Amino acid sequence: MSERAAPFHCPYCGDEDLRPSELETPRGQGAAWECAACNRAFRLKFLGLLASGLQAAHHDGAHTDGLHGEDSDS
């Protein structure tokens, strides 16, 4: 498995013209990428896996909005 995760789109402008940054990135700091379209640089970093208990809650089959546990159907 590679240390770098390759993004498909710039998180700022959505363009696909991305290149890995040539600046040295310390291990564990995330991979740096540069967008040629908007001239921005950003990093990608894996933070970890979510616990299964943090998934969207469903009560009695009713869909909730996930913010306050209120039914979105009402």
PDB file of N, CA and C in Angstrom:
ATOM      1  N   MET A   1       0.845  -1.177   0.000  1.00  0.00           N
ATOM      2  CA  MET A   1       0.000   0.000   0.000  1.00  0.00           C
ATOM      3  C   MET A   1       0.887   1.237   0.000  1.00  0.00           C
ATOM      4  N   SER A   2       0.521   2.207  -0.781  1.00  0.00           N
ATOM      5  CA  SER A   2       1.280   3.442  -0.910  1.00  0.00           C
ATOM      6  C   SER A   2       0.995   4.372   0.262  1.00  0.00           C
ATOM      7  N   GLU A   3       1.982   5.186   0.614  1.00  0.00           N
ATOM      8  CA  GLU A   3       1.790   6.166   1.673  1.00  0.00           C
ATOM      9  C   GLU A   3       0.902   7.313   1.203  1.00  0.00           C
ATOM     10  N   ARG A   4       0.890   7.591  -0.096  1.00  0.00           N
ATOM     11  CA  ARG A   4       0.114   8.707  -0.634  1.00  0.00           C
ATOM     12  C   ARG A   4      -1.259   8.261  -1.106  1.00  0.00           C
ATOM     13  N   ALA A   5      -2.255   9.049  -0.756  1.00  0.00           N
ATOM     14  CA  ALA A   5      -3.593   8.870  -1.302  1.00  0.00           C
ATOM     15  C   ALA A   5      -3.750   9.910  -2.401  1.00  0.00           C
ATOM     16  N   ALA A   6      -4.177   9.501  -3.552  1.00  0.00           N
ATOM     17  CA  ALA A   6      -4.274  10.420  -4.685  1.00  0.00           C
ATOM     18  C   ALA A   6      -5.675  11.016  -4.776  1.00  0.00           C
ATOM     19  N   PRO A   7      -5.800  12.336  -4.641  1.00  0.00           N
ATOM     20  CA  PRO A   7      -7.111  12.972  -4.799  1.00  0.00           C
ATOM     21  C   PRO A   7      -7.481  13.055  -6.280  1.00  0.00           C
ATOM     22  N   PHE A   8      -8.753  13.082  -6.570  1.00  0.00           N
ATOM     23  CA  PHE A   8      -9.222  13.193  -7.949  1.00  0.00           C
ATOM     24  C   PHE A   8      -9.628  14.621  -8.303  1.00  0.00           C
ATOM     25  N   HIS A   9      -9.993  15.419  -7.290  1.00  0.00           N
ATOM     26  CA  HIS A   9     -10.438  16.793  -7.513  1.00  0.00           C
ATOM     27  C   HIS A   9      -9.859  17.702  -6.435  1.00  0.00           C
ATOM     28  N   CYS A  10      -9.649  18.955  -6.779  1.00  0.00           N
ATOM     29  CA  CYS A  10      -9.218  19.960  -5.807  1.00  0.00           C
ATOM     30  C   CYS A  10     -10.377  20.223  -4.846  1.00  0.00           C
ATOM     31  N   PRO A  11     -10.138  20.240  -3.534  1.00  0.00           N
ATOM     32  CA  PRO A  11     -11.224  20.499  -2.589  1.00  0.00           C
ATOM     33  C   PRO A  11     -11.710  21.951  -2.616  1.00  0.00           C
ATOM     34  N   TYR A  12     -10.977  22.837  -3.274  1.00  0.00           N
ATOM     35  CA  TYR A  12     -11.346  24.250  -3.319  1.00  0.00           C
ATOM     36  C   TYR A  12     -12.097  24.623  -4.591  1.00  0.00           C
ATOM     37  N   CYS A  13     -11.576  24.206  -5.757  1.00  0.00           N
ATOM     38  CA  CYS A  13     -12.201  24.616  -7.019  1.00  0.00           C
ATOM     39  C   CYS A  13     -12.806  23.451  -7.796  1.00  0.00           C
ATOM     40  N   GLY A  14     -12.493  22.214  -7.422  1.00  0.00           N
ATOM     41  CA  GLY A  14     -13.051  21.049  -8.092  1.00  0.00           C
ATOM     42  C   GLY A  14     -12.318  20.622  -9.354  1.00  0.00           C
ATOM     43  N   ASP A  15     -11.260  21.334  -9.729  1.00  0.00           N
ATOM     44  CA  ASP A  15     -10.523  20.999 -10.939  1.00  0.00           C
ATOM     45  C   ASP A  15      -9.740  19.699 -10.745  1.00  0.00           C
ATOM     46  N   GLU A  16      -9.383  19.063 -11.849  1.00  0.00           N
ATOM     47  CA  GLU A  16      -8.667  17.787 -11.801  1.00  0.00           C
ATOM     48  C   GLU A  16      -7.178  17.917 -12.088  1.00  0.00           C
ATOM     49  N   ASP A  17      -6.678  19.122 -12.294  1.00  0.00           N
ATOM     50  CA  ASP A  17      -5.263  19.331 -12.633  1.00  0.00           C
ATOM     51  C   ASP A  17      -4.429  19.405 -11.354  1.00  0.00           C
ATOM     52  N   LEU A  18      -4.214  18.243 -10.730  1.00  0.00           N
ATOM     53  CA  LEU A  18      -3.488  18.164  -9.461  1.00  0.00           C
ATOM     54  C   LEU A  18      -2.145  17.489  -9.660  1.00  0.00           C
ATOM     55  N   ARG A  19      -1.177  17.942  -8.874  1.00  0.00           N
ATOM     56  CA  ARG A  19       0.168  17.357  -8.912  1.00  0.00           C
ATOM     57  C   ARG A  19       0.676  17.208  -7.482  1.00  0.00           C
ATOM     58  N   PRO A  20       1.436  16.141  -7.216  1.00  0.00           N
ATOM     59  CA  PRO A  20       2.051  16.023  -5.888  1.00  0.00           C
ATOM     60  C   PRO A  20       3.025  17.177  -5.678  1.00  0.00           C
ATOM     61  N   SER A  21       3.024  17.736  -4.486  1.00  0.00           N
ATOM     62  CA  SER A  21       3.955  18.815  -4.168  1.00  0.00           C
ATOM     63  C   SER A  21       5.370  18.262  -4.125  1.00  0.00           C
ATOM     64  N   GLU A  22       6.308  19.055  -4.588  1.00  0.00           N
ATOM     65  CA  GLU A  22       7.708  18.625  -4.567  1.00  0.00           C
ATOM     66  C   GLU A  22       8.395  18.972  -3.251  1.00  0.00           C
ATOM     67  N   LEU A  23       7.696  19.673  -2.361  1.00  0.00           N
ATOM     68  CA  LEU A  23       8.256  19.994  -1.051  1.00  0.00           C
ATOM     69  C   LEU A  23       8.276  18.739  -0.188  1.00  0.00           C
ATOM     70  N   GLU A  24       9.321  18.599   0.621  1.00  0.00           N
ATOM     71  CA  GLU A  24       9.420  17.455   1.527  1.00  0.00           C
ATOM     72  C   GLU A  24       8.300  17.532   2.560  1.00  0.00           C
ATOM     73  N   THR A  25       7.605  16.433   2.736  1.00  0.00           N
ATOM     74  CA  THR A  25       6.557  16.350   3.741  1.00  0.00           C
ATOM     75  C   THR A  25       7.021  15.397   4.830  1.00  0.00           C
ATOM     76  N   PRO A  26       7.094  15.874   6.080  1.00  0.00           N
ATOM     77  CA  PRO A  26       7.492  14.970   7.169  1.00  0.00           C
ATOM     78  C   PRO A  26       6.517  13.798   7.279  1.00  0.00           C
ATOM     79  N   ARG A  27       7.039  12.636   7.588  1.00  0.00           N
ATOM     80  CA  ARG A  27       6.209  11.436   7.708  1.00  0.00           C
ATOM     81  C   ARG A  27       5.105  11.666   8.736  1.00  0.00           C
ATOM     82  N   GLY A  28       3.892  11.288   8.379  1.00  0.00           N
ATOM     83  CA  GLY A  28       2.753  11.441   9.276  1.00  0.00           C
ATOM     84  C   GLY A  28       2.044  12.776   9.161  1.00  0.00           C
ATOM     85  N   GLN A  29       2.548  13.679   8.331  1.00  0.00           N
ATOM     86  CA  GLN A  29       1.934  15.001   8.187  1.00  0.00           C
ATOM     87  C   GLN A  29       0.906  15.059   7.061  1.00  0.00           C
ATOM     88  N   GLY A  30       0.794  14.029   6.276  1.00  0.00           N
ATOM     89  CA  GLY A  30      -0.143  14.020   5.161  1.00  0.00           C
ATOM     90  C   GLY A  30       0.552  14.412   3.875  1.00  0.00           C
ATOM     91  N   ALA A  31       0.056  13.904   2.769  1.00  0.00           N
ATOM     92  CA  ALA A  31       0.646  14.186   1.458  1.00  0.00           C
ATOM     93  C   ALA A  31       0.212  15.566   0.976  1.00  0.00           C
ATOM     94  N   ALA A  32       1.156  16.338   0.465  1.00  0.00           N
ATOM     95  CA  ALA A  32       0.850  17.675  -0.048  1.00  0.00           C
ATOM     96  C   ALA A  32       0.592  17.601  -1.550  1.00  0.00           C
ATOM     97  N   TRP A  33      -0.428  18.320  -1.996  1.00  0.00           N
ATOM     98  CA  TRP A  33      -0.813  18.374  -3.404  1.00  0.00           C
ATOM     99  C   TRP A  33      -0.962  19.822  -3.829  1.00  0.00           C
ATOM    100  N   GLU A  34      -0.768  20.085  -5.112  1.00  0.00           N
ATOM    101  CA  GLU A  34      -0.900  21.433  -5.664  1.00  0.00           C
ATOM    102  C   GLU A  34      -1.916  21.409  -6.794  1.00  0.00           C
ATOM    103  N   CYS A  35      -2.787  22.413  -6.818  1.00  0.00           N
ATOM    104  CA  CYS A  35      -3.779  22.554  -7.877  1.00  0.00           C
ATOM    105  C   CYS A  35      -3.298  23.642  -8.830  1.00  0.00           C
ATOM    106  N   ALA A  36      -3.113  23.283 -10.094  1.00  0.00           N
ATOM    107  CA  ALA A  36      -2.645  24.251 -11.088  1.00  0.00           C
ATOM    108  C   ALA A  36      -3.750  25.235 -11.467  1.00  0.00           C
ATOM    109  N   ALA A  37      -5.007  24.854 -11.327  1.00  0.00           N
ATOM    110  CA  ALA A  37      -6.119  25.711 -11.734  1.00  0.00           C
ATOM    111  C   ALA A  37      -6.316  26.902 -10.788  1.00  0.00           C
ATOM    112  N   CYS A  38      -6.309  26.655  -9.476  1.00  0.00           N
ATOM    113  CA  CYS A  38      -6.555  27.745  -8.519  1.00  0.00           C
ATOM    114  C   CYS A  38      -5.300  28.142  -7.747  1.00  0.00           C
ATOM    115  N   ASN A  39      -4.178  27.477  -8.052  1.00  0.00           N
ATOM    116  CA  ASN A  39      -2.886  27.814  -7.452  1.00  0.00           C
ATOM    117  C   ASN A  39      -2.886  27.654  -5.929  1.00  0.00           C
ATOM    118  N   ARG A  40      -3.584  26.628  -5.441  1.00  0.00           N
ATOM    119  CA  ARG A  40      -3.620  26.345  -4.006  1.00  0.00           C
ATOM    120  C   ARG A  40      -2.882  25.046  -3.722  1.00  0.00           C
ATOM    121  N   ALA A  41      -2.373  24.944  -2.518  1.00  0.00           N
ATOM    122  CA  ALA A  41      -1.743  23.714  -2.043  1.00  0.00           C
ATOM    123  C   ALA A  41      -2.553  23.211  -0.852  1.00  0.00           C
ATOM    124  N   PHE A  42      -2.663  21.898  -0.735  1.00  0.00           N
ATOM    125  CA  PHE A  42      -3.404  21.311   0.377  1.00  0.00           C
ATOM    126  C   PHE A  42      -2.782  19.970   0.721  1.00  0.00           C
ATOM    127  N   ARG A  43      -3.122  19.451   1.900  1.00  0.00           N
ATOM    128  CA  ARG A  43      -2.612  18.159   2.358  1.00  0.00           C
ATOM    129  C   ARG A  43      -3.765  17.183   2.543  1.00  0.00           C
ATOM    130  N   LEU A  44      -3.462  15.926   2.306  1.00  0.00           N
ATOM    131  CA  LEU A  44      -4.389  14.837   2.599  1.00  0.00           C
ATOM    132  C   LEU A  44      -3.797  14.025   3.729  1.00  0.00           C
ATOM    133  N   LYS A  45      -4.617  13.731   4.720  1.00  0.00           N
ATOM    134  CA  LYS A  45      -4.134  12.944   5.849  1.00  0.00           C
ATOM    135  C   LYS A  45      -5.253  12.033   6.333  1.00  0.00           C
ATOM    136  N   PHE A  46      -4.939  10.765   6.474  1.00  0.00           N
ATOM    137  CA  PHE A  46      -5.890   9.805   7.013  1.00  0.00           C
ATOM    138  C   PHE A  46      -5.941   9.985   8.526  1.00  0.00           C
ATOM    139  N   LEU A  47      -7.122  10.243   9.072  1.00  0.00           N
ATOM    140  CA  LEU A  47      -7.255  10.480  10.504  1.00  0.00           C
ATOM    141  C   LEU A  47      -7.564   9.215  11.294  1.00  0.00           C
ATOM    142  N   GLY A  48      -8.230   8.253  10.690  1.00  0.00           N
ATOM    143  CA  GLY A  48      -8.556   7.017  11.381  1.00  0.00           C
ATOM    144  C   GLY A  48      -9.930   6.515  10.991  1.00  0.00           C
ATOM    145  N   LEU A  49     -10.308   5.389  11.551  1.00  0.00           N
ATOM    146  CA  LEU A  49     -11.609   4.798  11.277  1.00  0.00           C
ATOM    147  C   LEU A  49     -12.622   5.285  12.300  1.00  0.00           C
ATOM    148  N   LEU A  50     -13.856   5.463  11.850  1.00  0.00           N
ATOM    149  CA  LEU A  50     -14.931   5.851  12.754  1.00  0.00           C
ATOM    150  C   LEU A  50     -15.449   4.622  13.486  1.00  0.00           C
ATOM    151  N   ALA A  51     -15.833   4.814  14.727  1.00  0.00           N
ATOM    152  CA  ALA A  51     -16.434   3.726  15.489  1.00  0.00           C
ATOM    153  C   ALA A  51     -17.805   3.424  14.897  1.00  0.00           C
ATOM    154  N   SER A  52     -18.213   2.185  14.909  1.00  0.00           N
ATOM    155  CA  SER A  52     -19.503   1.821  14.312  1.00  0.00           C
ATOM    156  C   SER A  52     -20.667   2.503  15.023  1.00  0.00           C
ATOM    157  N   GLY A  53     -20.502   2.893  16.263  1.00  0.00           N
ATOM    158  CA  GLY A  53     -21.562   3.574  16.996  1.00  0.00           C
ATOM    159  C   GLY A  53     -21.789   5.006  16.557  1.00  0.00           C
ATOM    160  N   LEU A  54     -20.901   5.556  15.744  1.00  0.00           N
ATOM    161  CA  LEU A  54     -21.051   6.934  15.290  1.00  0.00           C
ATOM    162  C   LEU A  54     -21.776   7.051  13.959  1.00  0.00           C
ATOM    163  N   GLN A  55     -22.248   5.949  13.412  1.00  0.00           N
ATOM    164  CA  GLN A  55     -22.985   5.995  12.154  1.00  0.00           C
ATOM    165  C   GLN A  55     -24.350   6.616  12.387  1.00  0.00           C
ATOM    166  N   ALA A  56     -25.004   7.039  11.309  1.00  0.00           N
ATOM    167  CA  ALA A  56     -26.321   7.676  11.406  1.00  0.00           C
ATOM    168  C   ALA A  56     -27.291   6.756  12.142  1.00  0.00           C
ATOM    169  N   ALA A  57     -28.021   7.330  13.064  1.00  0.00           N
ATOM    170  CA  ALA A  57     -28.965   6.557  13.867  1.00  0.00           C
ATOM    171  C   ALA A  57     -30.307   6.466  13.151  1.00  0.00           C
ATOM    172  N   HIS A  58     -30.914   5.283  13.188  1.00  0.00           N
ATOM    173  CA  HIS A  58     -32.246   5.072  12.633  1.00  0.00           C
ATOM    174  C   HIS A  58     -33.103   4.486  13.752  1.00  0.00           C
ATOM    175  N   HIS A  59     -34.205   5.160  14.065  1.00  0.00           N
ATOM    176  CA  HIS A  59     -35.095   4.701  15.123  1.00  0.00           C
ATOM    177  C   HIS A  59     -36.362   4.136  14.497  1.00  0.00           C
ATOM    178  N   ASP A  60     -36.670   2.882  14.760  1.00  0.00           N
ATOM    179  CA  ASP A  60     -37.877   2.218  14.261  1.00  0.00           C
ATOM    180  C   ASP A  60     -38.038   2.373  12.754  1.00  0.00           C
ATOM    181  N   GLY A  61     -36.948   2.415  12.026  1.00  0.00           N
ATOM    182  CA  GLY A  61     -37.016   2.505  10.577  1.00  0.00           C
ATOM    183  C   GLY A  61     -37.243   3.906  10.047  1.00  0.00           C
ATOM    184  N   ALA A  62     -37.459   4.897  10.915  1.00  0.00           N
ATOM    185  CA  ALA A  62     -37.683   6.279  10.470  1.00  0.00           C
ATOM    186  C   ALA A  62     -36.345   6.940  10.199  1.00  0.00           C
ATOM    187  N   HIS A  63     -36.280   7.695   9.137  1.00  0.00           N
ATOM    188  CA  HIS A  63     -35.047   8.402   8.783  1.00  0.00           C
ATOM    189  C   HIS A  63     -34.927   9.658   9.642  1.00  0.00           C
ATOM    190  N   THR A  64     -33.747   9.900  10.192  1.00  0.00           N
ATOM    191  CA  THR A  64     -33.512  11.108  10.976  1.00  0.00           C
ATOM    192  C   THR A  64     -32.541  12.002  10.244  1.00  0.00           C
ATOM    193  N   ASP A  65     -32.574  13.289  10.578  1.00  0.00           N
ATOM    194  CA  ASP A  65     -31.678  14.229   9.905  1.00  0.00           C
ATOM    195  C   ASP A  65     -30.263  14.157  10.453  1.00  0.00           C
ATOM    196  N   GLY A  66     -30.038  13.440  11.541  1.00  0.00           N
ATOM    197  CA  GLY A  66     -28.701  13.255  12.078  1.00  0.00           C
ATOM    198  C   GLY A  66     -28.217  14.403  12.941  1.00  0.00           C
ATOM    199  N   LEU A  67     -28.966  15.501  12.991  1.00  0.00           N
ATOM    200  CA  LEU A  67     -28.527  16.645  13.778  1.00  0.00           C
ATOM    201  C   LEU A  67     -29.115  16.611  15.178  1.00  0.00           C
ATOM    202  N   HIS A  68     -30.424  16.458  15.275  1.00  0.00           N
ATOM    203  CA  HIS A  68     -31.079  16.492  16.572  1.00  0.00           C
ATOM    204  C   HIS A  68     -31.925  15.256  16.817  1.00  0.00           C
ATOM    205  N   GLY A  69     -31.800  14.268  15.943  1.00  0.00           N
ATOM    206  CA  GLY A  69     -32.582  13.059  16.098  1.00  0.00           C
ATOM    207  C   GLY A  69     -34.034  13.232  15.717  1.00  0.00           C
ATOM    208  N   GLU A  70     -34.380  14.335  15.051  1.00  0.00           N
ATOM    209  CA  GLU A  70     -35.760  14.585  14.657  1.00  0.00           C
ATOM    210  C   GLU A  70     -36.040  13.892  13.340  1.00  0.00           C
ATOM    211  N   ASP A  71     -37.278  13.442  13.179  1.00  0.00           N
ATOM    212  CA  ASP A  71     -37.656  12.823  11.913  1.00  0.00           C
ATOM    213  C   ASP A  71     -37.640  13.866  10.818  1.00  0.00           C
ATOM    214  N   SER A  72     -37.031  13.530   9.687  1.00  0.00           N
ATOM    215  CA  SER A  72     -36.994  14.465   8.567  1.00  0.00           C
ATOM    216  C   SER A  72     -38.279  14.406   7.758  1.00  0.00           C
ATOM    217  N   ASP A  73     -39.126  13.382   8.012  1.00  0.00           N
ATOM    218  CA  ASP A  73     -40.371  13.232   7.267  1.00  0.00           C
ATOM    219  C   ASP A  73     -41.457  14.172   7.766  1.00  0.00           C
ATOM    220  N   SER A  74     -41.333  14.688   8.987  1.00  0.00           N
ATOM    221  CA  SER A  74     -42.392  15.523   9.550  1.00  0.00           C
ATOM    222  C   SER A  74     -42.209  16.976   9.242  1.00  0.00           C
TER     223      SER A  74
END
